[in-house]
Amino acid sequence: MFPSATAPRLALTPRSVAAARRAMASAATPQPSPPSPKAVRVVVKGRVQGVFFRDWTVETARALGLAGWVRNRRDGTVEALLSGDPARVDDMVSRHLPVGPRAAAVTAVLPFPADPVDPAEGFTRKPTA
């Protein structure tokens, strides 16, 4: 059969074939969805006030890409809400907060479930509660 005079001709070049293969491969391969955000409210006990703990928490949380806040509490503890990638939240709770800044002496980190916050809010320091 011969192509009709009105049918368009397709030119197959190596570039067009490669582009078509890439398009088919990306359509067939499901893209992994990012993990849903996790949020934890923590209360940190010990010598955690007057030792740069809140500012250190802001710097560390921002470096990990977390959203939330931190504040002193009148009972001498520090409270924080950490929200973001689950692995990074867990890292902050299990590795960073128990150590704190150099002058701190953390005796306990008590985590509680919380609702995630909008990542656009960033990580802030709140007044004492």
N, C-alpha and C. Protein backbone atom coordinates (compact mmCIF):
# COMPACT_ATOMS: atom_id res chain seq x y z
N MET A 1 0.83 -1.17 0.00
CA MET A 1 0.00 0.00 0.00
C MET A 1 0.87 1.23 0.00
N PHE A 2 0.44 2.19 -0.75
CA PHE A 2 1.17 3.44 -0.84
C PHE A 2 0.47 4.49 0.02
N PRO A 3 1.24 5.38 0.63
CA PRO A 3 0.60 6.43 1.43
C PRO A 3 -0.20 7.34 0.51
N SER A 4 -1.34 7.77 1.00
CA SER A 4 -2.17 8.66 0.19
C SER A 4 -1.54 10.04 0.17
N ALA A 5 -1.94 10.83 -0.76
CA ALA A 5 -1.38 12.16 -0.91
C ALA A 5 -1.80 13.06 0.22
N THR A 6 -2.89 12.77 0.93
CA THR A 6 -3.36 13.65 2.00
C THR A 6 -2.85 13.24 3.37
N ALA A 7 -2.35 12.03 3.52
CA ALA A 7 -1.86 11.59 4.83
C ALA A 7 -0.49 12.19 5.11
N PRO A 8 -0.30 12.71 6.34
CA PRO A 8 1.02 13.29 6.67
C PRO A 8 2.06 12.19 6.82
N ARG A 9 3.26 12.51 6.46
CA ARG A 9 4.37 11.56 6.62
C ARG A 9 5.08 11.85 7.92
N LEU A 10 5.39 10.81 8.63
CA LEU A 10 6.12 10.95 9.88
C LEU A 10 7.57 10.60 9.62
N ALA A 11 8.42 11.50 10.04
CA ALA A 11 9.85 11.25 9.88
C ALA A 11 10.37 10.64 11.17
N LEU A 12 10.88 9.44 11.09
CA LEU A 12 11.45 8.78 12.26
C LEU A 12 12.95 9.02 12.28
N THR A 13 13.34 9.79 13.26
CA THR A 13 14.76 10.05 13.45
C THR A 13 15.18 9.42 14.77
N PRO A 14 16.45 9.19 14.96
CA PRO A 14 16.88 8.63 16.25
C PRO A 14 16.42 9.50 17.44
N ARG A 15 16.42 10.80 17.25
CA ARG A 15 16.02 11.70 18.33
C ARG A 15 14.53 11.53 18.66
N SER A 16 13.68 11.45 17.63
CA SER A 16 12.24 11.32 17.88
C SER A 16 11.91 9.96 18.49
N VAL A 17 12.62 8.92 18.07
CA VAL A 17 12.40 7.59 18.64
C VAL A 17 12.81 7.58 20.11
N ALA A 18 13.94 8.18 20.43
CA ALA A 18 14.41 8.24 21.82
C ALA A 18 13.43 9.04 22.68
N ALA A 19 12.92 10.14 22.16
CA ALA A 19 11.97 10.96 22.91
C ALA A 19 10.69 10.18 23.16
N ALA A 20 10.23 9.44 22.17
CA ALA A 20 9.01 8.64 22.34
C ALA A 20 9.22 7.55 23.39
N ARG A 21 10.39 6.92 23.38
CA ARG A 21 10.68 5.89 24.39
C ARG A 21 10.72 6.47 25.80
N ARG A 22 11.34 7.65 25.95
CA ARG A 22 11.39 8.30 27.26
C ARG A 22 9.99 8.65 27.74
N ALA A 23 9.15 9.14 26.84
CA ALA A 23 7.78 9.52 27.22
C ALA A 23 7.00 8.29 27.66
N MET A 24 7.15 7.18 26.96
CA MET A 24 6.44 5.96 27.33
C MET A 24 6.96 5.41 28.66
N ALA A 25 8.27 5.48 28.88
CA ALA A 25 8.85 4.96 30.11
C ALA A 25 8.41 5.79 31.32
N SER A 26 8.38 7.11 31.18
CA SER A 26 7.99 7.95 32.32
C SER A 26 6.50 7.81 32.60
N ALA A 27 5.69 7.56 31.57
CA ALA A 27 4.26 7.37 31.79
C ALA A 27 3.99 6.03 32.45
N ALA A 28 4.79 5.04 32.18
CA ALA A 28 4.57 3.71 32.71
C ALA A 28 5.15 3.54 34.11
N THR A 29 6.15 4.33 34.47
CA THR A 29 6.79 4.21 35.76
C THR A 29 6.11 5.15 36.76
N PRO A 30 5.46 4.59 37.78
CA PRO A 30 4.83 5.48 38.77
C PRO A 30 5.90 6.22 39.58
N GLN A 31 5.68 7.50 39.76
CA GLN A 31 6.61 8.30 40.53
C GLN A 31 6.28 8.13 42.01
N PRO A 32 7.30 7.91 42.87
CA PRO A 32 7.01 7.76 44.30
C PRO A 32 6.49 9.07 44.87
N SER A 33 5.45 8.99 45.66
CA SER A 33 4.92 10.21 46.26
C SER A 33 5.75 10.53 47.50
N PRO A 34 5.92 11.82 47.79
CA PRO A 34 6.69 12.18 48.98
C PRO A 34 5.95 11.71 50.22
N PRO A 35 6.69 11.38 51.28
CA PRO A 35 6.01 10.92 52.49
C PRO A 35 5.13 12.02 53.07
N SER A 36 4.01 11.63 53.65
CA SER A 36 3.15 12.64 54.25
C SER A 36 3.87 13.21 55.48
N PRO A 37 3.68 14.50 55.75
CA PRO A 37 4.42 15.12 56.84
C PRO A 37 4.04 14.54 58.20
N LYS A 38 4.99 14.61 59.09
CA LYS A 38 4.80 14.14 60.46
C LYS A 38 4.99 15.33 61.38
N ALA A 39 4.24 15.35 62.47
CA ALA A 39 4.42 16.43 63.44
C ALA A 39 4.46 15.85 64.85
N VAL A 40 5.32 16.42 65.66
CA VAL A 40 5.48 16.00 67.05
C VAL A 40 5.64 17.26 67.90
N ARG A 41 4.93 17.27 69.03
CA ARG A 41 5.16 18.32 70.03
C ARG A 41 6.04 17.69 71.08
N VAL A 42 7.13 18.36 71.44
CA VAL A 42 8.05 17.81 72.44
C VAL A 42 8.20 18.78 73.60
N VAL A 43 8.41 18.20 74.76
CA VAL A 43 8.77 18.96 75.95
C VAL A 43 10.17 18.47 76.34
N VAL A 44 11.09 19.42 76.45
CA VAL A 44 12.48 19.08 76.77
C VAL A 44 12.76 19.54 78.20
N LYS A 45 13.24 18.59 79.03
CA LYS A 45 13.51 18.87 80.44
C LYS A 45 15.01 18.88 80.70
N GLY A 46 15.38 19.53 81.80
CA GLY A 46 16.78 19.61 82.20
C GLY A 46 17.21 21.07 82.30
N ARG A 47 18.51 21.30 82.16
CA ARG A 47 19.01 22.69 82.13
C ARG A 47 18.92 23.15 80.68
N VAL A 48 17.73 23.68 80.31
CA VAL A 48 17.47 24.02 78.92
C VAL A 48 17.05 25.47 78.73
N GLN A 49 17.01 26.25 79.82
CA GLN A 49 16.71 27.67 79.67
C GLN A 49 17.94 28.47 80.06
N GLY A 50 18.17 29.56 79.32
CA GLY A 50 19.35 30.39 79.58
C GLY A 50 20.62 29.81 79.01
N VAL A 51 20.51 28.83 78.10
CA VAL A 51 21.70 28.19 77.53
C VAL A 51 21.65 28.17 76.00
N PHE A 52 20.89 29.11 75.41
CA PHE A 52 20.83 29.22 73.95
C PHE A 52 20.02 28.09 73.31
N PHE A 53 19.20 27.38 74.12
CA PHE A 53 18.49 26.20 73.60
C PHE A 53 17.48 26.56 72.52
N ARG A 54 16.69 27.61 72.73
CA ARG A 54 15.69 27.97 71.72
C ARG A 54 16.33 28.39 70.40
N ASP A 55 17.33 29.25 70.46
CA ASP A 55 17.99 29.68 69.22
C ASP A 55 18.67 28.50 68.52
N TRP A 56 19.29 27.62 69.30
CA TRP A 56 19.91 26.42 68.73
C TRP A 56 18.85 25.55 68.05
N THR A 57 17.68 25.42 68.67
CA THR A 57 16.59 24.62 68.11
C THR A 57 16.11 25.23 66.80
N VAL A 58 15.96 26.54 66.75
CA VAL A 58 15.55 27.22 65.51
C VAL A 58 16.56 26.93 64.41
N GLU A 59 17.84 27.11 64.70
CA GLU A 59 18.89 26.88 63.69
C GLU A 59 18.90 25.43 63.21
N THR A 60 18.81 24.49 64.14
CA THR A 60 18.88 23.07 63.79
C THR A 60 17.65 22.64 63.01
N ALA A 61 16.47 23.06 63.43
CA ALA A 61 15.23 22.70 62.73
C ALA A 61 15.22 23.28 61.32
N ARG A 62 15.66 24.52 61.17
CA ARG A 62 15.71 25.12 59.83
C ARG A 62 16.70 24.37 58.94
N ALA A 63 17.84 23.98 59.50
CA ALA A 63 18.84 23.24 58.72
C ALA A 63 18.28 21.90 58.25
N LEU A 64 17.36 21.30 59.03
CA LEU A 64 16.75 20.04 58.65
C LEU A 64 15.51 20.23 57.76
N GLY A 65 15.14 21.49 57.52
CA GLY A 65 13.97 21.77 56.68
C GLY A 65 12.65 21.57 57.39
N LEU A 66 12.63 21.70 58.71
CA LEU A 66 11.40 21.50 59.47
C LEU A 66 10.64 22.81 59.65
N ALA A 67 9.35 22.69 59.86
CA ALA A 67 8.50 23.82 60.20
C ALA A 67 8.06 23.65 61.65
N GLY A 68 7.58 24.74 62.25
CA GLY A 68 7.08 24.67 63.62
C GLY A 68 7.54 25.84 64.44
N TRP A 69 7.71 25.60 65.74
CA TRP A 69 8.10 26.67 66.66
C TRP A 69 8.75 26.08 67.92
N VAL A 70 9.35 26.96 68.70
CA VAL A 70 9.95 26.58 69.99
C VAL A 70 9.71 27.72 70.96
N ARG A 71 9.52 27.38 72.25
CA ARG A 71 9.33 28.41 73.28
C ARG A 71 9.73 27.87 74.64
N ASN A 72 10.09 28.80 75.55
CA ASN A 72 10.29 28.46 76.95
C ASN A 72 8.92 28.30 77.60
N ARG A 73 8.89 27.49 78.65
CA ARG A 73 7.68 27.38 79.46
C ARG A 73 8.00 27.83 80.88
N ARG A 74 6.99 28.32 81.56
CA ARG A 74 7.21 28.86 82.91
C ARG A 74 7.71 27.82 83.90
N ASP A 75 7.50 26.53 83.61
CA ASP A 75 7.95 25.47 84.52
C ASP A 75 9.43 25.12 84.34
N GLY A 76 10.14 25.86 83.45
CA GLY A 76 11.58 25.64 83.26
C GLY A 76 11.92 24.71 82.11
N THR A 77 10.91 24.19 81.43
CA THR A 77 11.16 23.32 80.28
C THR A 77 11.10 24.13 78.99
N VAL A 78 11.44 23.47 77.90
CA VAL A 78 11.30 24.06 76.57
C VAL A 78 10.32 23.18 75.80
N GLU A 79 9.42 23.83 75.08
CA GLU A 79 8.42 23.11 74.29
C GLU A 79 8.63 23.46 72.82
N ALA A 80 8.46 22.46 71.94
CA ALA A 80 8.63 22.71 70.50
C ALA A 80 7.61 21.89 69.72
N LEU A 81 7.22 22.42 68.59
CA LEU A 81 6.41 21.70 67.62
C LEU A 81 7.28 21.52 66.38
N LEU A 82 7.51 20.27 66.00
CA LEU A 82 8.37 19.93 64.87
C LEU A 82 7.51 19.27 63.80
N SER A 83 7.55 19.79 62.58
CA SER A 83 6.71 19.27 61.51
C SER A 83 7.51 19.20 60.22
N GLY A 84 7.32 18.09 59.47
CA GLY A 84 8.01 17.96 58.19
C GLY A 84 8.21 16.51 57.81
N ASP A 85 9.26 16.26 57.05
CA ASP A 85 9.60 14.91 56.61
C ASP A 85 9.76 14.01 57.83
N PRO A 86 9.07 12.85 57.86
CA PRO A 86 9.12 11.98 59.04
C PRO A 86 10.52 11.60 59.50
N ALA A 87 11.41 11.30 58.56
CA ALA A 87 12.78 10.92 58.94
C ALA A 87 13.51 12.07 59.60
N ARG A 88 13.27 13.29 59.12
CA ARG A 88 13.95 14.45 59.70
C ARG A 88 13.38 14.83 61.06
N VAL A 89 12.06 14.68 61.21
CA VAL A 89 11.45 14.91 62.53
C VAL A 89 12.01 13.91 63.53
N ASP A 90 12.05 12.65 63.14
CA ASP A 90 12.60 11.62 64.03
C ASP A 90 14.06 11.89 64.38
N ASP A 91 14.83 12.35 63.40
CA ASP A 91 16.24 12.69 63.62
C ASP A 91 16.37 13.81 64.66
N MET A 92 15.54 14.82 64.54
CA MET A 92 15.58 15.94 65.48
C MET A 92 15.23 15.46 66.89
N VAL A 93 14.20 14.62 67.00
CA VAL A 93 13.74 14.15 68.32
C VAL A 93 14.72 13.17 68.95
N SER A 94 15.27 12.27 68.16
CA SER A 94 16.11 11.22 68.74
C SER A 94 17.60 11.54 68.80
N ARG A 95 18.09 12.38 67.89
CA ARG A 95 19.54 12.64 67.86
C ARG A 95 19.93 14.04 68.32
N HIS A 96 19.17 15.05 67.90
CA HIS A 96 19.59 16.43 68.18
C HIS A 96 19.10 16.96 69.53
N LEU A 97 17.79 16.84 69.80
CA LEU A 97 17.26 17.40 71.04
C LEU A 97 17.85 16.77 72.30
N PRO A 98 18.09 15.46 72.35
CA PRO A 98 18.67 14.91 73.58
C PRO A 98 20.06 15.46 73.91
N VAL A 99 20.75 16.00 72.93
CA VAL A 99 22.08 16.56 73.15
C VAL A 99 21.99 18.07 73.38
N GLY A 100 21.28 18.77 72.49
CA GLY A 100 21.12 20.21 72.62
C GLY A 100 22.41 20.97 72.39
N PRO A 101 22.40 22.27 72.70
CA PRO A 101 23.63 23.06 72.57
C PRO A 101 24.61 22.68 73.68
N ARG A 102 25.82 23.15 73.54
CA ARG A 102 26.91 22.75 74.44
C ARG A 102 26.61 22.99 75.92
N ALA A 103 25.99 24.12 76.27
CA ALA A 103 25.76 24.46 77.68
C ALA A 103 24.54 23.77 78.28
N ALA A 104 23.75 23.10 77.48
CA ALA A 104 22.53 22.46 77.98
C ALA A 104 22.85 21.12 78.64
N ALA A 105 21.94 20.70 79.52
CA ALA A 105 22.01 19.38 80.14
C ALA A 105 20.60 18.80 80.07
N VAL A 106 20.30 18.10 78.99
CA VAL A 106 18.95 17.56 78.76
C VAL A 106 18.80 16.28 79.57
N THR A 107 17.68 16.21 80.33
CA THR A 107 17.40 15.00 81.11
C THR A 107 16.27 14.18 80.50
N ALA A 108 15.42 14.81 79.69
CA ALA A 108 14.32 14.06 79.06
C ALA A 108 13.79 14.83 77.86
N VAL A 109 13.36 14.07 76.85
CA VAL A 109 12.64 14.63 75.69
C VAL A 109 11.35 13.83 75.60
N LEU A 110 10.23 14.51 75.85
CA LEU A 110 8.93 13.85 75.87
C LEU A 110 8.15 14.21 74.61
N PRO A 111 7.96 13.27 73.68
CA PRO A 111 7.23 13.56 72.44
C PRO A 111 5.73 13.25 72.57
N PHE A 112 4.92 14.06 71.89
CA PHE A 112 3.48 13.89 71.83
C PHE A 112 3.04 14.09 70.38
N PRO A 113 2.07 13.31 69.90
CA PRO A 113 1.60 13.50 68.52
C PRO A 113 0.99 14.90 68.35
N ALA A 114 1.10 15.42 67.13
CA ALA A 114 0.55 16.74 66.83
C ALA A 114 0.12 16.77 65.37
N ASP A 115 -0.61 17.82 65.00
CA ASP A 115 -1.02 18.01 63.62
C ASP A 115 0.07 18.76 62.87
N PRO A 116 0.40 18.33 61.65
CA PRO A 116 1.43 19.03 60.86
C PRO A 116 1.03 20.48 60.58
N VAL A 117 2.04 21.32 60.43
CA VAL A 117 1.81 22.73 60.07
C VAL A 117 2.28 22.96 58.64
N ASP A 118 1.85 24.05 58.07
CA ASP A 118 2.22 24.41 56.70
C ASP A 118 3.73 24.67 56.64
N PRO A 119 4.46 23.99 55.74
CA PRO A 119 5.91 24.22 55.63
C PRO A 119 6.27 25.67 55.33
N ALA A 120 5.35 26.40 54.69
CA ALA A 120 5.63 27.80 54.36
C ALA A 120 5.77 28.67 55.61
N GLU A 121 5.26 28.19 56.74
CA GLU A 121 5.37 28.96 57.98
C GLU A 121 6.80 28.98 58.50
N GLY A 122 7.63 28.03 58.09
CA GLY A 122 9.01 27.98 58.56
C GLY A 122 9.08 27.58 60.02
N PHE A 123 10.21 27.86 60.64
CA PHE A 123 10.41 27.52 62.05
C PHE A 123 10.69 28.80 62.82
N THR A 124 9.91 29.06 63.87
CA THR A 124 10.00 30.33 64.59
C THR A 124 10.19 30.12 66.09
N ARG A 125 10.56 31.20 66.75
CA ARG A 125 10.69 31.24 68.20
C ARG A 125 9.49 32.00 68.75
N LYS A 126 8.76 31.38 69.66
CA LYS A 126 7.57 31.99 70.24
C LYS A 126 7.88 32.50 71.65
N PRO A 127 7.05 33.42 72.14
CA PRO A 127 7.25 33.91 73.51
C PRO A 127 6.94 32.82 74.55
N THR A 128 7.45 33.03 75.76
CA THR A 128 7.24 32.08 76.85
C THR A 128 5.76 31.88 77.13
N ALA A 129 5.40 30.63 77.41
CA ALA A 129 3.99 30.31 77.72
C ALA A 129 3.86 29.88 79.15
